[in-house]
Amino acid sequence: MSAKAKPVDALDPRKALVPSVVKVNEVRVAKGFWPKLQRTAARIPFADQALAAWYAARDPATPLPAKGMIFAGLAYFIMPIDAIPDLFAGIGYTDDAAVIAALIATLGANIKRRHRDQAEDAVQRLKDK
């Protein structure tokens, strides 16, 4: 982690576009997104939306500010520290769903049909396992 970015910075929306924080979030998401999604894909109804955001963030055509915000939202999804711990059955992912929904509402124009199609295919593959 960069000397400029602290772990708490990853969840601070005011710092989501600071280059060192974007990099920390991108690395954190690269390491943790797929493992968490594989564990939860069948249980969370917003898996396809999270994956569409992931594909948009990885797309070179997505503007850098949008990528920064997407990585911040996905970092929140994978971090073990959040408002409602994920271990609480039924309600544990409601805060994560709210963050993903806010991402989609705010940055939905950057999530293209191709990202949604990739997400639908990936979710189906994960559920078939």
C-alpha atoms as a PDB file:
ATOM      1  CA  MET A   1       0.000   0.000   0.000  1.00  0.00           C
ATOM      2  CA  SER A   2       1.212   3.459  -0.808  1.00  0.00           C
ATOM      3  CA  ALA A   3       2.472   5.680   1.980  1.00  0.00           C
ATOM      4  CA  LYS A   4      -0.232   8.174   0.996  1.00  0.00           C
ATOM      5  CA  ALA A   5      -3.190   5.772   1.099  1.00  0.00           C
ATOM      6  CA  LYS A   6      -4.360   4.321   4.403  1.00  0.00           C
ATOM      7  CA  PRO A   7      -6.734   1.328   4.604  1.00  0.00           C
ATOM      8  CA  VAL A   8      -9.592   3.544   5.776  1.00  0.00           C
ATOM      9  CA  ASP A   9      -9.094   5.771   2.700  1.00  0.00           C
ATOM     10  CA  ALA A  10     -10.399   2.976   0.477  1.00  0.00           C
ATOM     11  CA  LEU A  11     -13.896   3.496   1.856  1.00  0.00           C
ATOM     12  CA  ASP A  12     -13.853   7.292   1.988  1.00  0.00           C
ATOM     13  CA  PRO A  13     -15.853   8.551  -1.027  1.00  0.00           C
ATOM     14  CA  ARG A  14     -14.042  11.902  -0.854  1.00  0.00           C
ATOM     15  CA  LYS A  15     -10.778  10.064  -1.563  1.00  0.00           C
ATOM     16  CA  ALA A  16     -12.053   7.543  -4.116  1.00  0.00           C
ATOM     17  CA  LEU A  17     -10.372   9.362  -7.018  1.00  0.00           C
ATOM     18  CA  VAL A  18      -7.014  10.021  -5.333  1.00  0.00           C
ATOM     19  CA  PRO A  19      -4.581   8.066  -7.552  1.00  0.00           C
ATOM     20  CA  SER A  20      -2.973   6.155  -4.661  1.00  0.00           C
ATOM     21  CA  VAL A  21      -6.414   5.178  -3.320  1.00  0.00           C
ATOM     22  CA  VAL A  22      -7.607   4.124  -6.786  1.00  0.00           C
ATOM     23  CA  LYS A  23      -4.545   1.880  -7.076  1.00  0.00           C
ATOM     24  CA  VAL A  24      -5.093   0.371  -3.613  1.00  0.00           C
ATOM     25  CA  ASN A  25      -8.739  -0.325  -4.446  1.00  0.00           C
ATOM     26  CA  GLU A  26      -7.859  -1.771  -7.844  1.00  0.00           C
ATOM     27  CA  VAL A  27      -5.329  -4.172  -6.294  1.00  0.00           C
ATOM     28  CA  ARG A  28      -7.723  -5.105  -3.472  1.00  0.00           C
ATOM     29  CA  VAL A  29     -10.532  -5.781  -5.946  1.00  0.00           C
ATOM     30  CA  ALA A  30      -8.229  -7.752  -8.264  1.00  0.00           C
ATOM     31  CA  LYS A  31      -7.314 -10.060  -5.366  1.00  0.00           C
ATOM     32  CA  GLY A  32     -10.647 -10.409  -3.642  1.00  0.00           C
ATOM     33  CA  PHE A  33     -13.521  -9.864  -6.067  1.00  0.00           C
ATOM     34  CA  TRP A  34     -13.636 -13.237  -7.847  1.00  0.00           C
ATOM     35  CA  PRO A  35     -13.129 -15.378  -4.727  1.00  0.00           C
ATOM     36  CA  LYS A  36     -15.956 -13.580  -2.918  1.00  0.00           C
ATOM     37  CA  LEU A  37     -18.216 -13.664  -5.948  1.00  0.00           C
ATOM     38  CA  GLN A  38     -17.606 -17.391  -6.414  1.00  0.00           C
ATOM     39  CA  ARG A  39     -18.621 -17.991  -2.777  1.00  0.00           C
ATOM     40  CA  THR A  40     -21.737 -15.827  -2.978  1.00  0.00           C
ATOM     41  CA  ALA A  41     -22.997 -15.804  -6.585  1.00  0.00           C
ATOM     42  CA  ALA A  42     -25.868 -18.176  -5.926  1.00  0.00           C
ATOM     43  CA  ARG A  43     -26.965 -16.280  -2.794  1.00  0.00           C
ATOM     44  CA  ILE A  44     -26.859 -12.628  -3.786  1.00  0.00           C
ATOM     45  CA  PRO A  45     -29.371 -11.264  -6.287  1.00  0.00           C
ATOM     46  CA  PHE A  46     -27.072  -8.419  -7.349  1.00  0.00           C
ATOM     47  CA  ALA A  47     -24.188 -10.639  -8.534  1.00  0.00           C
ATOM     48  CA  ASP A  48     -24.831  -9.741 -12.175  1.00  0.00           C
ATOM     49  CA  GLN A  49     -24.746  -6.012 -11.392  1.00  0.00           C
ATOM     50  CA  ALA A  50     -21.505  -6.333  -9.422  1.00  0.00           C
ATOM     51  CA  LEU A  51     -19.972  -8.286 -12.288  1.00  0.00           C
ATOM     52  CA  ALA A  52     -21.134  -5.776 -14.887  1.00  0.00           C
ATOM     53  CA  ALA A  53     -19.445  -3.057 -12.825  1.00  0.00           C
ATOM     54  CA  TRP A  54     -16.297  -5.225 -12.641  1.00  0.00           C
ATOM     55  CA  TYR A  55     -16.217  -5.626 -16.419  1.00  0.00           C
ATOM     56  CA  ALA A  56     -16.775  -1.890 -16.895  1.00  0.00           C
ATOM     57  CA  ALA A  57     -13.917  -1.071 -14.507  1.00  0.00           C
ATOM     58  CA  ARG A  58     -11.600  -3.411 -16.431  1.00  0.00           C
ATOM     59  CA  ASP A  59     -12.575  -1.936 -19.815  1.00  0.00           C
ATOM     60  CA  PRO A  60      -9.924   0.429 -21.215  1.00  0.00           C
ATOM     61  CA  ALA A  61     -12.713   2.538 -22.749  1.00  0.00           C
ATOM     62  CA  THR A  62     -14.214   3.374 -19.326  1.00  0.00           C
ATOM     63  CA  PRO A  63     -13.139   6.848 -18.151  1.00  0.00           C
ATOM     64  CA  LEU A  64     -10.649   6.912 -15.273  1.00  0.00           C
ATOM     65  CA  PRO A  65     -12.960   8.770 -12.830  1.00  0.00           C
ATOM     66  CA  ALA A  66     -15.679   6.142 -13.377  1.00  0.00           C
ATOM     67  CA  LYS A  67     -13.134   3.352 -12.851  1.00  0.00           C
ATOM     68  CA  GLY A  68     -12.046   4.945  -9.573  1.00  0.00           C
ATOM     69  CA  MET A  69     -15.597   5.066  -8.258  1.00  0.00           C
ATOM     70  CA  ILE A  70     -16.379   1.543  -9.447  1.00  0.00           C
ATOM     71  CA  PHE A  71     -13.259   0.142  -7.787  1.00  0.00           C
ATOM     72  CA  ALA A  72     -14.210   1.953  -4.562  1.00  0.00           C
ATOM     73  CA  GLY A  73     -17.690   0.378  -4.606  1.00  0.00           C
ATOM     74  CA  LEU A  74     -16.338  -3.081  -5.412  1.00  0.00           C
ATOM     75  CA  ALA A  75     -13.691  -2.699  -2.684  1.00  0.00           C
ATOM     76  CA  TYR A  76     -16.520  -2.093  -0.214  1.00  0.00           C
ATOM     77  CA  PHE A  77     -18.202  -5.284  -1.440  1.00  0.00           C
ATOM     78  CA  ILE A  78     -15.130  -7.425  -0.795  1.00  0.00           C
ATOM     79  CA  MET A  79     -13.822  -5.839   2.407  1.00  0.00           C
ATOM     80  CA  PRO A  80     -14.605  -7.768   5.570  1.00  0.00           C
ATOM     81  CA  ILE A  81     -15.353  -4.527   7.423  1.00  0.00           C
ATOM     82  CA  ASP A  82     -18.669  -3.012   6.429  1.00  0.00           C
ATOM     83  CA  ALA A  83     -21.834  -1.576   7.939  1.00  0.00           C
ATOM     84  CA  ILE A  84     -23.671  -4.916   8.173  1.00  0.00           C
ATOM     85  CA  PRO A  85     -21.374  -7.955   8.452  1.00  0.00           C
ATOM     86  CA  ASP A  86     -21.996 -10.422   5.638  1.00  0.00           C
ATOM     87  CA  LEU A  87     -22.274 -13.335   8.046  1.00  0.00           C
ATOM     88  CA  PHE A  88     -25.778 -12.253   9.108  1.00  0.00           C
ATOM     89  CA  ALA A  89     -28.088 -14.375   6.990  1.00  0.00           C
ATOM     90  CA  GLY A  90     -30.637 -12.454   4.976  1.00  0.00           C
ATOM     91  CA  ILE A  91     -29.498  -8.944   5.817  1.00  0.00           C
ATOM     92  CA  GLY A  92     -25.715  -9.251   5.611  1.00  0.00           C
ATOM     93  CA  TYR A  93     -25.496  -8.171   1.996  1.00  0.00           C
ATOM     94  CA  THR A  94     -28.070  -5.377   2.052  1.00  0.00           C
ATOM     95  CA  ASP A  95     -25.437  -2.687   2.544  1.00  0.00           C
ATOM     96  CA  ASP A  96     -23.344  -4.191  -0.265  1.00  0.00           C
ATOM     97  CA  ALA A  97     -26.412  -4.248  -2.508  1.00  0.00           C
ATOM     98  CA  ALA A  98     -27.075  -0.591  -1.699  1.00  0.00           C
ATOM     99  CA  VAL A  99     -23.520   0.379  -2.652  1.00  0.00           C
ATOM    100  CA  ILE A 100     -23.729  -1.561  -5.930  1.00  0.00           C
ATOM    101  CA  ALA A 101     -27.156  -0.033  -6.677  1.00  0.00           C
ATOM    102  CA  ALA A 102     -25.754   3.456  -6.042  1.00  0.00           C
ATOM    103  CA  LEU A 103     -22.866   2.669  -8.388  1.00  0.00           C
ATOM    104  CA  ILE A 104     -25.243   1.545 -11.114  1.00  0.00           C
ATOM    105  CA  ALA A 105     -27.482   4.593 -10.608  1.00  0.00           C
ATOM    106  CA  THR A 106     -24.561   7.006 -10.691  1.00  0.00           C
ATOM    107  CA  LEU A 107     -22.285   5.390 -13.259  1.00  0.00           C
ATOM    108  CA  GLY A 108     -24.742   3.288 -15.253  1.00  0.00           C
ATOM    109  CA  ALA A 109     -23.909   5.102 -18.485  1.00  0.00           C
ATOM    110  CA  ASN A 110     -20.395   3.643 -18.241  1.00  0.00           C
ATOM    111  CA  ILE A 111     -21.717   0.094 -17.902  1.00  0.00           C
ATOM    112  CA  LYS A 112     -22.408  -0.952 -21.460  1.00  0.00           C
ATOM    113  CA  ARG A 113     -24.530  -3.779 -22.863  1.00  0.00           C
ATOM    114  CA  ARG A 114     -21.352  -5.812 -23.489  1.00  0.00           C
ATOM    115  CA  HIS A 115     -20.450  -5.566 -19.782  1.00  0.00           C
ATOM    116  CA  ARG A 116     -23.937  -6.732 -18.790  1.00  0.00           C
ATOM    117  CA  ASP A 117     -23.787  -9.621 -21.279  1.00  0.00           C
ATOM    118  CA  GLN A 118     -20.392 -10.712 -19.945  1.00  0.00           C
ATOM    119  CA  ALA A 119     -21.780 -10.514 -16.410  1.00  0.00           C
ATOM    120  CA  GLU A 120     -24.848 -12.623 -17.215  1.00  0.00           C
ATOM    121  CA  ASP A 121     -22.655 -15.311 -18.804  1.00  0.00           C
ATOM    122  CA  ALA A 122     -20.252 -15.317 -15.855  1.00  0.00           C
ATOM    123  CA  VAL A 123     -23.031 -15.546 -13.257  1.00  0.00           C
ATOM    124  CA  GLN A 124     -24.569 -18.466 -15.097  1.00  0.00           C
ATOM    125  CA  ARG A 125     -21.198 -20.250 -15.170  1.00  0.00           C
ATOM    126  CA  LEU A 126     -20.711 -19.608 -11.434  1.00  0.00           C
ATOM    127  CA  LYS A 127     -24.183 -20.915 -10.587  1.00  0.00           C
ATOM    128  CA  ASP A 128     -23.654 -24.021 -12.731  1.00  0.00           C
ATOM    129  CA  LYS A 129     -20.573 -25.023 -10.720  1.00  0.00           C
END
